[in-house]
All heavy atoms as atom14 arrays in JSON, in Angstrom:
{
  "sequence": "YEPVGTLEEALVEYRDVYFEEAGGMVKTPIYARDSIPTLSEFTG",
  "atom14_mask": [
    [1, 1, 1, 1, 1, 1, 1, 1, 1, 1, 1, 1, 0, 0],
    [1, 1, 1, 1, 1, 1, 1, 1, 1, 0, 0, 0, 0, 0],
    [1, 1, 1, 1, 1, 1, 1, 0, 0, 0, 0, 0, 0, 0],
    [1, 1, 1, 1, 1, 1, 1, 0, 0, 0, 0, 0, 0, 0],
    [1, 1, 1, 1, 0, 0, 0, 0, 0, 0, 0, 0, 0, 0],
    [1, 1, 1, 1, 1, 1, 1, 0, 0, 0, 0, 0, 0, 0],
    [1, 1, 1, 1, 1, 1, 1, 1, 0, 0, 0, 0, 0, 0],
    [1, 1, 1, 1, 1, 1, 1, 1, 1, 0, 0, 0, 0, 0],
    [1, 1, 1, 1, 1, 1, 1, 1, 1, 0, 0, 0, 0, 0],
    [1, 1, 1, 1, 1, 0, 0, 0, 0, 0, 0, 0, 0, 0],
    [1, 1, 1, 1, 1, 1, 1, 1, 0, 0, 0, 0, 0, 0],
    [1, 1, 1, 1, 1, 1, 1, 0, 0, 0, 0, 0, 0, 0],
    [1, 1, 1, 1, 1, 1, 1, 1, 1, 0, 0, 0, 0, 0],
    [1, 1, 1, 1, 1, 1, 1, 1, 1, 1, 1, 1, 0, 0],
    [1, 1, 1, 1, 1, 1, 1, 1, 1, 1, 1, 0, 0, 0],
    [1, 1, 1, 1, 1, 1, 1, 1, 0, 0, 0, 0, 0, 0],
    [1, 1, 1, 1, 1, 1, 1, 0, 0, 0, 0, 0, 0, 0],
    [1, 1, 1, 1, 1, 1, 1, 1, 1, 1, 1, 1, 0, 0],
    [1, 1, 1, 1, 1, 1, 1, 1, 1, 1, 1, 0, 0, 0],
    [1, 1, 1, 1, 1, 1, 1, 1, 1, 0, 0, 0, 0, 0],
    [1, 1, 1, 1, 1, 1, 1, 1, 1, 0, 0, 0, 0, 0],
    [1, 1, 1, 1, 1, 0, 0, 0, 0, 0, 0, 0, 0, 0],
    [1, 1, 1, 1, 0, 0, 0, 0, 0, 0, 0, 0, 0, 0],
    [1, 1, 1, 1, 0, 0, 0, 0, 0, 0, 0, 0, 0, 0],
    [1, 1, 1, 1, 1, 1, 1, 1, 0, 0, 0, 0, 0, 0],
    [1, 1, 1, 1, 1, 1, 1, 0, 0, 0, 0, 0, 0, 0],
    [1, 1, 1, 1, 1, 1, 1, 1, 1, 0, 0, 0, 0, 0],
    [1, 1, 1, 1, 1, 1, 1, 0, 0, 0, 0, 0, 0, 0],
    [1, 1, 1, 1, 1, 1, 1, 0, 0, 0, 0, 0, 0, 0],
    [1, 1, 1, 1, 1, 1, 1, 1, 0, 0, 0, 0, 0, 0],
    [1, 1, 1, 1, 1, 1, 1, 1, 1, 1, 1, 1, 0, 0],
    [1, 1, 1, 1, 1, 0, 0, 0, 0, 0, 0, 0, 0, 0],
    [1, 1, 1, 1, 1, 1, 1, 1, 1, 1, 1, 0, 0, 0],
    [1, 1, 1, 1, 1, 1, 1, 1, 0, 0, 0, 0, 0, 0],
    [1, 1, 1, 1, 1, 1, 0, 0, 0, 0, 0, 0, 0, 0],
    [1, 1, 1, 1, 1, 1, 1, 1, 0, 0, 0, 0, 0, 0],
    [1, 1, 1, 1, 1, 1, 1, 0, 0, 0, 0, 0, 0, 0],
    [1, 1, 1, 1, 1, 1, 1, 0, 0, 0, 0, 0, 0, 0],
    [1, 1, 1, 1, 1, 1, 1, 1, 0, 0, 0, 0, 0, 0],
    [1, 1, 1, 1, 1, 1, 0, 0, 0, 0, 0, 0, 0, 0],
    [1, 1, 1, 1, 1, 1, 1, 1, 1, 0, 0, 0, 0, 0],
    [1, 1, 1, 1, 1, 1, 1, 1, 1, 1, 1, 0, 0, 0],
    [1, 1, 1, 1, 1, 1, 1, 0, 0, 0, 0, 0, 0, 0],
    [1, 1, 1, 1, 0, 0, 0, 0, 0, 0, 0, 0, 0, 0]
  ],
  "atom14_positions": [
    [[-1.82, 41.01, -11.76], [-0.39, 41.16, -11.69], [0.01, 42.63, -11.67], [-0.6, 43.48, -12.43], [0.31, 40.48, -12.88], [0.1, 38.98, -12.94], [-0.97, 38.46, -13.64], [0.98, 38.17, -12.33], [-1.15, 37.11, -13.69], [0.8, 36.74, -12.36], [-0.27, 36.23, -13.07], [-0.47, 34.88, -13.12], [0.0, 0.0, 0.0], [0.0, 0.0, 0.0]],
    [[0.89, 42.99, -10.8], [1.44, 44.35, -10.78], [2.43, 44.49, -11.93], [3.15, 43.48, -12.27], [2.11, 44.65, -9.5], [1.14, 44.76, -8.28], [0.21, 45.91, -8.35], [0.57, 46.95, -8.98], [-0.94, 45.8, -7.89], [0.0, 0.0, 0.0], [0.0, 0.0, 0.0], [0.0, 0.0, 0.0], [0.0, 0.0, 0.0], [0.0, 0.0, 0.0]],
    [[2.61, 45.67, -12.51], [3.62, 45.84, -13.58], [5.02, 45.57, -13.0], [5.37, 46.15, -11.99], [3.43, 47.29, -13.99], [2.03, 47.68, -13.54], [1.78, 46.86, -12.29], [0.0, 0.0, 0.0], [0.0, 0.0, 0.0], [0.0, 0.0, 0.0], [0.0, 0.0, 0.0], [0.0, 0.0, 0.0], [0.0, 0.0, 0.0], [0.0, 0.0, 0.0]],
    [[5.76, 44.71, -13.66], [7.15, 44.37, -13.29], [8.02, 44.49, -14.52], [7.71, 43.91, -15.54], [7.24, 43.01, -12.71], [8.7, 42.67, -12.36], [6.39, 42.84, -11.43], [0.0, 0.0, 0.0], [0.0, 0.0, 0.0], [0.0, 0.0, 0.0], [0.0, 0.0, 0.0], [0.0, 0.0, 0.0], [0.0, 0.0, 0.0], [0.0, 0.0, 0.0]],
    [[9.05, 45.29, -14.44], [9.99, 45.42, -15.56], [9.47, 46.43, -16.54], [8.49, 47.16, -16.35], [0.0, 0.0, 0.0], [0.0, 0.0, 0.0], [0.0, 0.0, 0.0], [0.0, 0.0, 0.0], [0.0, 0.0, 0.0], [0.0, 0.0, 0.0], [0.0, 0.0, 0.0], [0.0, 0.0, 0.0], [0.0, 0.0, 0.0], [0.0, 0.0, 0.0]],
    [[10.13, 46.44, -17.71], [9.77, 47.34, -18.78], [9.6, 46.57, -20.1], [10.12, 45.42, -20.2], [10.83, 48.43, -18.98], [12.04, 47.82, -19.4], [11.08, 49.21, -17.7], [0.0, 0.0, 0.0], [0.0, 0.0, 0.0], [0.0, 0.0, 0.0], [0.0, 0.0, 0.0], [0.0, 0.0, 0.0], [0.0, 0.0, 0.0], [0.0, 0.0, 0.0]],
    [[8.98, 47.2, -21.02], [8.78, 46.54, -22.34], [10.14, 46.32, -23.02], [10.37, 45.3, -23.68], [7.93, 47.42, -23.26], [7.44, 46.82, -24.59], [6.63, 45.58, -24.36], [6.67, 47.82, -25.4], [0.0, 0.0, 0.0], [0.0, 0.0, 0.0], [0.0, 0.0, 0.0], [0.0, 0.0, 0.0], [0.0, 0.0, 0.0], [0.0, 0.0, 0.0]],
    [[11.08, 47.28, -22.83], [12.4, 47.11, -23.38], [13.13, 45.87, -22.84], [13.87, 45.2, -23.56], [13.23, 48.38, -23.14], [12.83, 49.63, -23.92], [11.49, 50.21, -23.4], [11.15, 49.95, -22.21], [10.8, 50.91, -24.18], [0.0, 0.0, 0.0], [0.0, 0.0, 0.0], [0.0, 0.0, 0.0], [0.0, 0.0, 0.0], [0.0, 0.0, 0.0]],
    [[12.88, 45.58, -21.54], [13.53, 44.42, -20.93], [12.95, 43.12, -21.46], [13.6, 42.09, -21.48], [13.39, 44.44, -19.42], [14.2, 45.63, -18.77], [13.89, 45.78, -17.34], [12.82, 45.28, -16.86], [14.69, 46.41, -16.59], [0.0, 0.0, 0.0], [0.0, 0.0, 0.0], [0.0, 0.0, 0.0], [0.0, 0.0, 0.0], [0.0, 0.0, 0.0]],
    [[11.72, 43.19, -22.02], [11.08, 42.01, -22.55], [11.54, 41.72, -24.03], [11.25, 40.63, -24.55], [9.58, 42.11, -22.49], [0.0, 0.0, 0.0], [0.0, 0.0, 0.0], [0.0, 0.0, 0.0], [0.0, 0.0, 0.0], [0.0, 0.0, 0.0], [0.0, 0.0, 0.0], [0.0, 0.0, 0.0], [0.0, 0.0, 0.0], [0.0, 0.0, 0.0]],
    [[12.22, 42.71, -24.61], [12.65, 42.61, -26.01], [13.79, 41.55, -26.09], [14.81, 41.69, -25.41], [13.09, 43.92, -26.53], [13.6, 43.92, -27.99], [12.46, 43.56, -28.96], [14.16, 45.37, -28.32], [0.0, 0.0, 0.0], [0.0, 0.0, 0.0], [0.0, 0.0, 0.0], [0.0, 0.0, 0.0], [0.0, 0.0, 0.0], [0.0, 0.0, 0.0]],
    [[13.59, 40.53, -26.9], [14.61, 39.48, -27.02], [15.52, 39.7, -28.22], [16.75, 39.6, -28.1], [13.89, 38.06, -27.18], [14.93, 36.99, -27.37], [13.04, 37.82, -25.95], [0.0, 0.0, 0.0], [0.0, 0.0, 0.0], [0.0, 0.0, 0.0], [0.0, 0.0, 0.0], [0.0, 0.0, 0.0], [0.0, 0.0, 0.0], [0.0, 0.0, 0.0]],
    [[14.95, 40.08, -29.36], [15.72, 40.27, -30.55], [14.87, 40.9, -31.58], [13.69, 41.19, -31.39], [16.22, 38.87, -31.11], [15.05, 37.99, -31.51], [15.49, 36.69, -32.16], [16.7, 36.63, -32.56], [14.72, 35.73, -32.25], [0.0, 0.0, 0.0], [0.0, 0.0, 0.0], [0.0, 0.0, 0.0], [0.0, 0.0, 0.0], [0.0, 0.0, 0.0]],
    [[15.49, 41.2, -32.76], [14.73, 41.62, -33.93], [14.89, 40.52, -34.98], [15.9, 39.86, -35.09], [15.27, 42.95, -34.52], [14.82, 44.17, -33.72], [15.53, 44.61, -32.6], [13.69, 44.82, -34.07], [15.16, 45.7, -31.91], [13.24, 46.0, -33.37], [14.0, 46.38, -32.3], [13.6, 47.49, -31.55], [0.0, 0.0, 0.0], [0.0, 0.0, 0.0]],
    [[13.8, 40.29, -35.72], [13.79, 39.23, -36.71], [13.02, 39.69, -37.94], [12.03, 40.39, -37.83], [13.13, 37.93, -36.13], [13.27, 36.72, -37.04], [12.89, 35.49, -36.32], [11.44, 35.35, -36.03], [11.0, 35.01, -34.82], [11.8, 34.82, -33.85], [9.68, 34.9, -34.67], [0.0, 0.0, 0.0], [0.0, 0.0, 0.0], [0.0, 0.0, 0.0]],
    [[13.45, 39.29, -39.1], [12.74, 39.6, -40.36], [11.46, 38.76, -40.41], [11.54, 37.53, -40.42], [13.62, 39.34, -41.57], [14.68, 40.43, -41.72], [14.53, 41.5, -41.18], [15.7, 40.12, -42.38], [0.0, 0.0, 0.0], [0.0, 0.0, 0.0], [0.0, 0.0, 0.0], [0.0, 0.0, 0.0], [0.0, 0.0, 0.0], [0.0, 0.0, 0.0]],
    [[10.3, 39.4, -40.5], [9.02, 38.77, -40.53], [8.24, 39.25, -41.77], [8.23, 40.47, -42.02], [8.17, 39.02, -39.26], [6.85, 38.29, -39.34], [8.98, 38.51, -38.04], [0.0, 0.0, 0.0], [0.0, 0.0, 0.0], [0.0, 0.0, 0.0], [0.0, 0.0, 0.0], [0.0, 0.0, 0.0], [0.0, 0.0, 0.0], [0.0, 0.0, 0.0]],
    [[7.61, 38.35, -42.49], [6.87, 38.73, -43.68], [5.48, 39.22, -43.33], [4.72, 38.5, -42.68], [6.76, 37.54, -44.61], [6.22, 37.83, -46.0], [7.06, 38.05, -47.09], [4.83, 37.85, -46.22], [6.52, 38.29, -48.34], [4.27, 38.11, -47.47], [5.15, 38.34, -48.53], [4.66, 38.62, -49.78], [0.0, 0.0, 0.0], [0.0, 0.0, 0.0]],
    [[5.16, 40.47, -43.74], [3.81, 40.99, -43.61], [3.37, 41.52, -44.99], [4.01, 42.47, -45.51], [3.79, 42.11, -42.56], [3.94, 41.69, -41.13], [5.14, 41.83, -40.52], [2.88, 41.08, -40.5], [5.33, 41.42, -39.21], [3.05, 40.69, -39.16], [4.22, 40.8, -38.55], [0.0, 0.0, 0.0], [0.0, 0.0, 0.0], [0.0, 0.0, 0.0]],
    [[2.43, 40.97, -45.54], [1.93, 41.37, -46.89], [1.47, 42.79, -46.88], [1.78, 43.57, -47.85], [0.82, 40.47, -47.36], [0.37, 40.77, -48.79], [-0.81, 39.88, -49.2], [-1.7, 39.62, -48.37], [-0.87, 39.46, -50.38], [0.0, 0.0, 0.0], [0.0, 0.0, 0.0], [0.0, 0.0, 0.0], [0.0, 0.0, 0.0], [0.0, 0.0, 0.0]],
    [[0.84, 43.19, -45.78], [0.35, 44.62, -45.75], [1.47, 45.65, -45.66], [1.28, 46.83, -45.95], [-0.59, 44.78, -44.53], [-0.02, 44.35, -43.19], [-0.33, 42.92, -42.81], [0.11, 42.03, -43.57], [-1.06, 42.69, -41.86], [0.0, 0.0, 0.0], [0.0, 0.0, 0.0], [0.0, 0.0, 0.0], [0.0, 0.0, 0.0], [0.0, 0.0, 0.0]],
    [[2.68, 45.21, -45.32], [3.85, 46.09, -45.28], [4.73, 45.9, -46.51], [5.78, 46.54, -46.59], [4.62, 45.87, -44.03], [0.0, 0.0, 0.0], [0.0, 0.0, 0.0], [0.0, 0.0, 0.0], [0.0, 0.0, 0.0], [0.0, 0.0, 0.0], [0.0, 0.0, 0.0], [0.0, 0.0, 0.0], [0.0, 0.0, 0.0], [0.0, 0.0, 0.0]],
    [[4.28, 45.06, -47.45], [5.05, 44.88, -48.7], [6.12, 43.86, -48.69], [6.92, 43.76, -49.61], [0.0, 0.0, 0.0], [0.0, 0.0, 0.0], [0.0, 0.0, 0.0], [0.0, 0.0, 0.0], [0.0, 0.0, 0.0], [0.0, 0.0, 0.0], [0.0, 0.0, 0.0], [0.0, 0.0, 0.0], [0.0, 0.0, 0.0], [0.0, 0.0, 0.0]],
    [[6.22, 43.08, -47.58], [7.25, 41.99, -47.57], [7.86, 41.87, -46.21], [7.22, 42.06, -45.16], [0.0, 0.0, 0.0], [0.0, 0.0, 0.0], [0.0, 0.0, 0.0], [0.0, 0.0, 0.0], [0.0, 0.0, 0.0], [0.0, 0.0, 0.0], [0.0, 0.0, 0.0], [0.0, 0.0, 0.0], [0.0, 0.0, 0.0], [0.0, 0.0, 0.0]],
    [[9.18, 41.62, -46.17], [9.88, 41.41, -44.93], [10.06, 42.71, -44.15], [10.38, 43.77, -44.75], [11.27, 40.83, -45.24], [11.21, 39.35, -45.59], [10.61, 38.35, -44.15], [10.75, 36.71, -44.83], [0.0, 0.0, 0.0], [0.0, 0.0, 0.0], [0.0, 0.0, 0.0], [0.0, 0.0, 0.0], [0.0, 0.0, 0.0], [0.0, 0.0, 0.0]],
    [[9.8, 42.64, -42.85], [9.91, 43.8, -41.97], [10.76, 43.39, -40.77], [10.53, 42.35, -40.19], [8.5, 44.28, -41.5], [8.63, 45.42, -40.5], [7.63, 44.66, -42.7], [0.0, 0.0, 0.0], [0.0, 0.0, 0.0], [0.0, 0.0, 0.0], [0.0, 0.0, 0.0], [0.0, 0.0, 0.0], [0.0, 0.0, 0.0], [0.0, 0.0, 0.0]],
    [[11.66, 44.25, -40.37], [12.46, 44.02, -39.21], [11.56, 44.22, -38.01], [11.1, 45.3, -37.72], [13.65, 44.99, -39.12], [14.64, 44.66, -37.97], [15.81, 45.59, -38.02], [16.81, 45.28, -36.92], [17.98, 46.19, -36.91], [0.0, 0.0, 0.0], [0.0, 0.0, 0.0], [0.0, 0.0, 0.0], [0.0, 0.0, 0.0], [0.0, 0.0, 0.0]],
    [[11.3, 43.11, -37.26], [10.26, 43.08, -36.26], [10.75, 42.81, -34.86], [11.56, 41.86, -34.71], [9.19, 42.04, -36.66], [8.68, 42.32, -38.01], [7.98, 42.01, -35.7], [0.0, 0.0, 0.0], [0.0, 0.0, 0.0], [0.0, 0.0, 0.0], [0.0, 0.0, 0.0], [0.0, 0.0, 0.0], [0.0, 0.0, 0.0], [0.0, 0.0, 0.0]],
    [[10.34, 43.54, -33.86], [10.76, 43.24, -32.47], [10.09, 41.95, -32.0], [8.91, 41.73, -32.19], [10.27, 44.45, -31.69], [9.15, 45.02, -32.51], [9.49, 44.76, -33.93], [0.0, 0.0, 0.0], [0.0, 0.0, 0.0], [0.0, 0.0, 0.0], [0.0, 0.0, 0.0], [0.0, 0.0, 0.0], [0.0, 0.0, 0.0], [0.0, 0.0, 0.0]],
    [[10.84, 41.12, -31.35], [10.42, 39.86, -30.77], [10.47, 39.95, -29.26], [11.5, 40.18, -28.67], [11.26, 38.67, -31.24], [11.45, 38.7, -32.76], [10.62, 37.32, -30.77], [10.19, 38.59, -33.6], [0.0, 0.0, 0.0], [0.0, 0.0, 0.0], [0.0, 0.0, 0.0], [0.0, 0.0, 0.0], [0.0, 0.0, 0.0], [0.0, 0.0, 0.0]],
    [[9.28, 39.84, -28.62], [9.19, 39.97, -27.18], [8.98, 38.59, -26.52], [8.33, 37.72, -27.09], [8.04, 40.9, -26.8], [8.19, 42.33, -27.24], [7.48, 42.78, -28.39], [9.04, 43.22, -26.6], [7.61, 44.09, -28.79], [9.11, 44.51, -27.02], [8.42, 44.94, -28.14], [8.55, 46.26, -28.56], [0.0, 0.0, 0.0], [0.0, 0.0, 0.0]],
    [[9.5, 38.47, -25.33], [9.17, 37.31, -24.48], [7.87, 37.6, -23.8], [7.74, 38.47, -22.98], [10.28, 37.1, -23.42], [0.0, 0.0, 0.0], [0.0, 0.0, 0.0], [0.0, 0.0, 0.0], [0.0, 0.0, 0.0], [0.0, 0.0, 0.0], [0.0, 0.0, 0.0], [0.0, 0.0, 0.0], [0.0, 0.0, 0.0], [0.0, 0.0, 0.0]],
    [[6.82, 36.89, -24.21], [5.42, 37.15, -23.77], [5.34, 37.21, -22.22], [4.7, 38.1, -21.65], [4.48, 36.1, -24.31], [3.1, 36.09, -23.71], [2.23, 37.2, -24.27], [1.01, 37.4, -23.5], [-0.17, 36.81, -23.75], [-0.24, 35.92, -24.73], [-1.22, 37.08, -23.01], [0.0, 0.0, 0.0], [0.0, 0.0, 0.0], [0.0, 0.0, 0.0]],
    [[5.99, 36.3, -21.55], [5.91, 36.21, -20.07], [6.58, 37.39, -19.38], [6.29, 37.69, -18.22], [6.52, 34.9, -19.57], [5.75, 33.7, -20.09], [4.59, 33.86, -20.37], [6.38, 32.61, -20.2], [0.0, 0.0, 0.0], [0.0, 0.0, 0.0], [0.0, 0.0, 0.0], [0.0, 0.0, 0.0], [0.0, 0.0, 0.0], [0.0, 0.0, 0.0]],
    [[7.42, 38.09, -20.13], [8.17, 39.21, -19.5], [7.54, 40.6, -19.85], [8.0, 41.6, -19.26], [9.66, 39.2, -19.97], [10.26, 38.01, -19.57], [0.0, 0.0, 0.0], [0.0, 0.0, 0.0], [0.0, 0.0, 0.0], [0.0, 0.0, 0.0], [0.0, 0.0, 0.0], [0.0, 0.0, 0.0], [0.0, 0.0, 0.0], [0.0, 0.0, 0.0]],
    [[6.55, 40.61, -20.69], [5.88, 41.91, -21.02], [5.09, 42.34, -19.79], [4.21, 41.63, -19.31], [4.96, 41.73, -22.23], [5.77, 41.31, -23.45], [4.21, 43.04, -22.5], [4.87, 41.05, -24.69], [0.0, 0.0, 0.0], [0.0, 0.0, 0.0], [0.0, 0.0, 0.0], [0.0, 0.0, 0.0], [0.0, 0.0, 0.0], [0.0, 0.0, 0.0]],
    [[5.38, 43.5, -19.25], [4.68, 43.95, -18.04], [3.23, 44.25, -18.25], [2.8, 44.65, -19.37], [5.44, 45.17, -17.62], [6.11, 45.67, -18.87], [6.4, 44.5, -19.71], [0.0, 0.0, 0.0], [0.0, 0.0, 0.0], [0.0, 0.0, 0.0], [0.0, 0.0, 0.0], [0.0, 0.0, 0.0], [0.0, 0.0, 0.0], [0.0, 0.0, 0.0]],
    [[2.42, 44.03, -17.23], [0.98, 44.39, -17.35], [0.85, 45.89, -17.49], [1.77, 46.66, -17.08], [0.22, 43.96, -16.08], [0.84, 44.54, -14.94], [0.27, 42.44, -15.96], [0.0, 0.0, 0.0], [0.0, 0.0, 0.0], [0.0, 0.0, 0.0], [0.0, 0.0, 0.0], [0.0, 0.0, 0.0], [0.0, 0.0, 0.0], [0.0, 0.0, 0.0]],
    [[-0.24, 46.3, -18.12], [-0.61, 47.72, -18.33], [0.3, 48.38, -19.34], [0.22, 49.6, -19.53], [-0.61, 48.5, -17.04], [-1.46, 47.96, -15.9], [-1.46, 48.87, -14.68], [-2.92, 47.68, -16.33], [0.0, 0.0, 0.0], [0.0, 0.0, 0.0], [0.0, 0.0, 0.0], [0.0, 0.0, 0.0], [0.0, 0.0, 0.0], [0.0, 0.0, 0.0]],
    [[1.22, 47.6, -20.0], [2.0, 48.19, -21.07], [1.27, 48.22, -22.38], [0.32, 47.46, -22.58], [3.35, 47.36, -21.22], [3.04, 46.05, -21.55], [0.0, 0.0, 0.0], [0.0, 0.0, 0.0], [0.0, 0.0, 0.0], [0.0, 0.0, 0.0], [0.0, 0.0, 0.0], [0.0, 0.0, 0.0], [0.0, 0.0, 0.0], [0.0, 0.0, 0.0]],
    [[1.67, 49.11, -23.27], [1.06, 49.3, -24.55], [2.11, 49.4, -25.62], [3.17, 49.98, -25.43], [0.14, 50.49, -24.6], [-0.99, 50.43, -23.55], [-1.96, 51.62, -23.7], [-2.22, 52.03, -24.85], [-2.45, 52.12, -22.68], [0.0, 0.0, 0.0], [0.0, 0.0, 0.0], [0.0, 0.0, 0.0], [0.0, 0.0, 0.0], [0.0, 0.0, 0.0]],
    [[1.83, 48.82, -26.77], [2.75, 48.98, -27.93], [1.98, 48.71, -29.2], [0.84, 48.24, -29.17], [3.96, 48.02, -27.79], [3.65, 46.58, -27.65], [3.7, 45.76, -28.78], [3.28, 46.04, -26.43], [3.36, 44.38, -28.69], [2.98, 44.66, -26.31], [3.03, 43.84, -27.45], [0.0, 0.0, 0.0], [0.0, 0.0, 0.0], [0.0, 0.0, 0.0]],
    [[2.58, 48.96, -30.36], [1.93, 48.76, -31.66], [2.74, 47.81, -32.48], [3.94, 47.59, -32.31], [1.78, 50.09, -32.39], [3.08, 50.73, -32.54], [0.87, 51.06, -31.61], [0.0, 0.0, 0.0], [0.0, 0.0, 0.0], [0.0, 0.0, 0.0], [0.0, 0.0, 0.0], [0.0, 0.0, 0.0], [0.0, 0.0, 0.0], [0.0, 0.0, 0.0]],
    [[2.04, 47.21, -33.48], [2.68, 46.33, -34.39], [3.39, 47.05, -35.52], [3.25, 48.28, -35.62], [0.0, 0.0, 0.0], [0.0, 0.0, 0.0], [0.0, 0.0, 0.0], [0.0, 0.0, 0.0], [0.0, 0.0, 0.0], [0.0, 0.0, 0.0], [0.0, 0.0, 0.0], [0.0, 0.0, 0.0], [0.0, 0.0, 0.0], [0.0, 0.0, 0.0]]
  ]
}
């Protein structure tokens, strides 16, 4: 697949998600997996 769109366009919302390693609830970006462009990179 050729890269189509941007990572920002794949962002659907932010949601509070519990991560023990972060000490509790973290405001977390929620992406639509099918819309994430190929060759893009991001971190948790």
